[in-house]
Protein backbone atom coordinates (compact mmCIF):
# COMPACT_ATOMS: atom_id res chain seq x y z
CA MET A 1 -135.08 176.89 149.15
CA ALA A 2 -136.99 179.21 151.44
CA GLU A 3 -137.01 182.86 150.54
CA LYS A 4 -135.79 185.11 153.33
CA ALA A 5 -138.48 187.54 154.50
CA PRO A 6 -137.75 190.90 153.09
CA ARG A 7 -135.45 193.20 155.80
CA ARG A 8 -137.47 195.81 157.45
CA PRO A 9 -136.06 199.25 157.80
CA PRO A 10 -135.33 200.17 161.42
CA PRO A 11 -138.00 202.36 162.93
CA MET A 12 -137.93 206.05 162.69
CA LYS A 13 -136.65 207.98 165.81
CA ARG A 14 -138.98 210.31 167.11
CA VAL A 15 -137.35 213.73 167.78
CA LEU A 16 -138.58 216.37 169.85
CA VAL A 17 -136.24 220.00 169.61
CA VAL A 18 -136.13 222.34 172.32
CA GLU A 19 -134.47 225.65 171.08
CA PRO A 20 -135.18 229.11 172.18
CA HIS A 21 -133.49 230.80 169.21
CA PRO A 22 -135.89 230.62 166.19
CA GLN A 23 -133.36 230.53 163.14
CA VAL A 24 -131.26 227.48 165.40
CA ARG A 25 -134.65 225.77 166.16
CA ALA A 26 -135.65 225.85 162.45
CA ALA A 27 -132.02 224.69 161.50
CA LEU A 28 -132.28 221.79 163.87
CA ALA A 29 -135.89 220.84 162.48
CA ASP A 30 -134.50 221.10 158.96
CA LEU A 31 -131.77 218.82 160.35
CA VAL A 32 -134.07 216.07 161.62
CA ASP A 33 -136.64 216.26 158.54
CA ASP A 34 -133.85 215.76 156.34
CA GLU A 35 -132.51 212.61 158.03
CA PRO A 36 -134.00 209.64 156.49
CA GLY A 37 -134.17 207.68 159.92
CA CYS A 38 -135.72 210.65 162.06
CA GLU A 39 -139.15 212.04 162.20
CA LEU A 40 -139.53 215.51 163.71
CA VAL A 41 -142.53 215.29 166.17
CA ALA A 42 -141.94 218.82 167.45
CA ALA A 43 -139.99 221.98 167.41
CA VAL A 44 -140.59 224.33 170.56
CA THR A 45 -138.93 227.09 172.53
CA THR A 46 -139.20 226.23 176.00
CA ILE A 47 -138.63 223.26 178.44
CA ALA A 48 -142.31 223.73 179.64
CA ASP A 49 -143.60 223.56 176.13
CA ALA A 50 -141.67 220.27 175.88
CA LEU A 51 -142.66 218.80 179.08
CA SER A 52 -146.67 219.65 178.08
CA LEU A 53 -145.96 217.72 174.77
CA VAL A 54 -143.74 214.73 175.66
CA SER A 55 -146.47 212.33 176.51
CA GLU A 56 -148.53 213.18 173.34
CA VAL A 57 -145.89 213.24 170.86
CA ARG A 58 -143.67 210.53 172.80
CA PRO A 59 -140.45 211.09 171.33
CA ASP A 60 -137.27 208.78 171.23
CA VAL A 61 -134.92 211.51 171.66
CA VAL A 62 -135.18 215.13 172.82
CA LEU A 63 -132.55 217.57 171.76
CA VAL A 64 -132.29 220.35 174.34
CA ASP A 65 -130.13 223.48 173.86
CA THR A 66 -128.05 224.14 177.00
CA ASP A 67 -129.05 228.00 176.80
CA THR A 68 -132.63 227.50 176.91
CA PRO A 69 -133.72 229.83 179.48
CA ASN A 70 -135.73 228.78 182.78
CA TRP A 71 -134.49 224.95 182.66
CA GLU A 72 -133.15 223.31 185.84
CA PRO A 73 -130.26 221.31 184.92
CA GLN A 74 -130.78 218.91 187.65
CA GLN A 75 -134.27 218.30 187.71
CA LEU A 76 -134.66 218.08 183.88
CA GLY A 77 -133.74 214.39 183.52
CA LYS A 78 -135.73 213.68 186.26
CA ARG A 79 -138.87 215.45 185.09
CA PHE A 80 -138.93 213.97 181.36
CA GLY A 81 -137.80 210.41 183.01
CA GLU A 82 -141.33 210.40 185.07
CA ILE A 83 -142.98 211.43 181.92
CA LEU A 84 -141.31 209.05 179.52
CA PRO A 85 -138.29 206.71 180.84
CA GLU A 86 -136.81 205.43 177.88
CA VAL A 87 -136.39 208.81 176.31
CA LEU A 88 -132.89 209.85 175.23
CA LEU A 89 -132.01 213.39 176.16
CA VAL A 90 -129.26 215.02 174.31
CA PHE A 91 -128.01 218.61 175.40
CA LEU A 92 -126.47 220.52 172.60
CA SER A 93 -123.92 223.31 173.41
CA ALA A 94 -122.15 226.03 171.64
CA ALA A 95 -119.52 225.68 174.24
CA THR A 96 -115.91 223.99 173.21
CA GLU A 97 -116.36 221.51 176.04
CA PRO A 98 -119.78 220.49 176.54
CA HIS A 99 -120.27 218.45 179.91
CA ARG A 100 -123.54 216.37 181.07
CA GLU A 101 -125.88 218.78 182.33
CA CYS A 102 -127.79 216.03 184.58
CA PRO A 103 -125.80 213.56 186.18
CA GLU A 104 -128.78 212.39 188.56
CA SER A 105 -131.07 211.96 185.52
CA SER A 106 -133.29 208.93 185.59
CA THR A 107 -133.02 208.85 181.78
CA LYS A 108 -130.19 208.48 179.18
CA THR A 109 -128.47 211.69 178.68
CA LEU A 110 -125.68 212.97 176.13
CA SER A 111 -123.81 216.26 175.87
CA MET A 112 -122.41 217.38 172.63
CA LEU A 113 -121.41 220.57 170.35
CA LYS A 114 -124.23 221.77 168.21
CA THR A 115 -121.79 221.39 165.18
CA VAL A 116 -121.87 217.59 165.75
CA ALA A 117 -125.78 217.37 165.82
CA PRO A 118 -125.86 216.17 162.09
CA ASP A 119 -123.60 213.34 162.79
CA PHE A 120 -125.30 212.35 165.89
CA LEU A 121 -128.98 212.34 164.10
CA ARG A 122 -127.20 210.24 161.17
CA SER A 123 -125.97 207.72 163.69
CA LEU A 124 -129.53 207.23 165.03
CA SER A 125 -130.94 205.27 161.65
CA SER A 126 -127.57 203.48 161.33
């Protein structure tokens, strides 16, 4: 009887965090670090920082706080999509009813409350 090849674990999801508030950025980075199926590739303060790094660190997922200053909601998905079309943009909000911020995005986008970010990260590796 032939032996089955060992099952490979799913590849790690590479995550980039964009969050202007230092304590929240650190907490999100810790959440990513603590999730076995995720790898933190960078945690930055601004969209400009994220865009300058995205082609180098090649994230699968970008967590973006909707409170991040100087971001253009209608252009953000397009700009990330031009650099890395397969990236998933996840907009995090403290609002009680988050909504899709980039309806014309060329990338996949999700919007969610910050409080469900841990569940979302766990879902990446399941």
